[in-house]
Amino acid sequence: MATFRCLQSGNTVTFTLQHDIDSMEGHQGYIRVDEPEITIESDNSVRTDTAFAPVIPTIKRLGRPRKVANV
């Protein structure tokens, strides 16, 4: 399996057949982009992700505001 990126638009295309991969390597408008395979470690390692605060949505009232009576 091989992934190619278009030099002009930046779109990526993935091919699985060897014939398609060989023909794309000769194409001047595309470069081959190989992504490293992700391996999952089975040992119980500590996660080092950054903790972010949850996004609190603001409540916006719908419709027209109430009329204020003249006193």
C-alpha atoms as a PDB file:
ATOM      1  CA  MET A   1       0.000   0.000   0.000  1.00  0.00           C
ATOM      2  CA  ALA A   2       1.366   3.405  -0.959  1.00  0.00           C
ATOM      3  CA  THR A   3       0.104   6.955  -0.481  1.00  0.00           C
ATOM      4  CA  PHE A   4       0.897   9.736  -2.939  1.00  0.00           C
ATOM      5  CA  ARG A   5       0.432  13.504  -2.483  1.00  0.00           C
ATOM      6  CA  CYS A   6      -0.338  15.898  -5.341  1.00  0.00           C
ATOM      7  CA  LEU A   7       2.201  18.721  -5.524  1.00  0.00           C
ATOM      8  CA  GLN A   8      -0.329  21.216  -6.863  1.00  0.00           C
ATOM      9  CA  SER A   9      -3.412  20.661  -4.697  1.00  0.00           C
ATOM     10  CA  GLY A  10      -2.029  18.700  -1.734  1.00  0.00           C
ATOM     11  CA  ASN A  11      -4.626  15.914  -2.047  1.00  0.00           C
ATOM     12  CA  THR A  12      -3.538  12.389  -1.140  1.00  0.00           C
ATOM     13  CA  VAL A  13      -4.329   9.168  -2.992  1.00  0.00           C
ATOM     14  CA  THR A  14      -3.726   5.613  -1.735  1.00  0.00           C
ATOM     15  CA  PHE A  15      -3.043   2.673  -4.057  1.00  0.00           C
ATOM     16  CA  THR A  16      -2.864  -1.025  -3.200  1.00  0.00           C
ATOM     17  CA  LEU A  17      -1.993  -2.625  -6.558  1.00  0.00           C
ATOM     18  CA  GLN A  18       1.694  -2.757  -7.510  1.00  0.00           C
ATOM     19  CA  HIS A  19       0.952  -1.747 -11.120  1.00  0.00           C
ATOM     20  CA  ASP A  20      -0.725   1.481  -9.933  1.00  0.00           C
ATOM     21  CA  ILE A  21       2.125   2.233  -7.515  1.00  0.00           C
ATOM     22  CA  ASP A  22       4.743   1.798 -10.263  1.00  0.00           C
ATOM     23  CA  SER A  23       2.850   4.076 -12.651  1.00  0.00           C
ATOM     24  CA  MET A  24       2.452   6.808 -10.001  1.00  0.00           C
ATOM     25  CA  GLU A  25       6.170   6.755  -9.143  1.00  0.00           C
ATOM     26  CA  GLY A  26       6.909   7.868 -12.721  1.00  0.00           C
ATOM     27  CA  HIS A  27       4.389  10.728 -12.529  1.00  0.00           C
ATOM     28  CA  GLN A  28       5.982  14.169 -12.073  1.00  0.00           C
ATOM     29  CA  GLY A  29       3.015  15.754 -10.268  1.00  0.00           C
ATOM     30  CA  TYR A  30       2.945  13.347  -7.306  1.00  0.00           C
ATOM     31  CA  ILE A  31       5.383  12.419  -4.541  1.00  0.00           C
ATOM     32  CA  ARG A  32       5.224   9.288  -2.411  1.00  0.00           C
ATOM     33  CA  VAL A  33       4.368   9.788   1.228  1.00  0.00           C
ATOM     34  CA  ASP A  34       4.912   6.792   3.477  1.00  0.00           C
ATOM     35  CA  GLU A  35       3.322   6.974   6.884  1.00  0.00           C
ATOM     36  CA  PRO A  36       5.042   5.017   9.655  1.00  0.00           C
ATOM     37  CA  GLU A  37       2.972   2.189  11.068  1.00  0.00           C
ATOM     38  CA  ILE A  38       1.654   2.729  14.576  1.00  0.00           C
ATOM     39  CA  THR A  39       2.474  -0.011  17.037  1.00  0.00           C
ATOM     40  CA  ILE A  40       0.625  -0.414  20.311  1.00  0.00           C
ATOM     41  CA  GLU A  41       2.810  -1.117  23.294  1.00  0.00           C
ATOM     42  CA  SER A  42       1.354  -3.703  25.620  1.00  0.00           C
ATOM     43  CA  ASP A  43       3.168  -2.503  28.743  1.00  0.00           C
ATOM     44  CA  ASN A  44       1.170  -0.297  31.099  1.00  0.00           C
ATOM     45  CA  SER A  45       2.867   2.984  30.306  1.00  0.00           C
ATOM     46  CA  VAL A  46       1.668   6.312  31.640  1.00  0.00           C
ATOM     47  CA  ARG A  47      -0.133   8.549  29.162  1.00  0.00           C
ATOM     48  CA  THR A  48       1.491  11.912  28.620  1.00  0.00           C
ATOM     49  CA  ASP A  49      -1.400  13.636  26.855  1.00  0.00           C
ATOM     50  CA  THR A  50      -2.111  17.270  27.562  1.00  0.00           C
ATOM     51  CA  ALA A  51      -5.271  17.757  29.606  1.00  0.00           C
ATOM     52  CA  PHE A  52      -7.595  20.390  28.189  1.00  0.00           C
ATOM     53  CA  ALA A  53     -10.563  21.965  29.927  1.00  0.00           C
ATOM     54  CA  PRO A  54     -13.930  21.098  28.367  1.00  0.00           C
ATOM     55  CA  VAL A  55     -15.568  23.756  26.238  1.00  0.00           C
ATOM     56  CA  ILE A  56     -18.501  25.365  28.029  1.00  0.00           C
ATOM     57  CA  PRO A  57     -21.155  26.412  25.522  1.00  0.00           C
ATOM     58  CA  THR A  58     -22.707  29.834  25.995  1.00  0.00           C
ATOM     59  CA  ILE A  59     -26.493  29.944  26.146  1.00  0.00           C
ATOM     60  CA  LYS A  60     -27.988  32.411  23.726  1.00  0.00           C
ATOM     61  CA  ARG A  61     -31.623  33.279  24.155  1.00  0.00           C
ATOM     62  CA  LEU A  62     -33.678  32.925  21.016  1.00  0.00           C
ATOM     63  CA  GLY A  63     -36.041  35.565  19.702  1.00  0.00           C
ATOM     64  CA  ARG A  64     -36.648  39.218  20.336  1.00  0.00           C
ATOM     65  CA  PRO A  65     -35.898  40.700  23.771  1.00  0.00           C
ATOM     66  CA  ARG A  66     -38.823  41.600  26.060  1.00  0.00           C
ATOM     67  CA  LYS A  67     -40.337  45.043  25.917  1.00  0.00           C
ATOM     68  CA  VAL A  68     -39.715  47.227  28.939  1.00  0.00           C
ATOM     69  CA  ALA A  69     -42.871  49.006  30.138  1.00  0.00           C
ATOM     70  CA  ASN A  70     -42.675  52.781  30.563  1.00  0.00           C
ATOM     71  CA  VAL A  71     -43.209  53.640  34.201  1.00  0.00           C
END
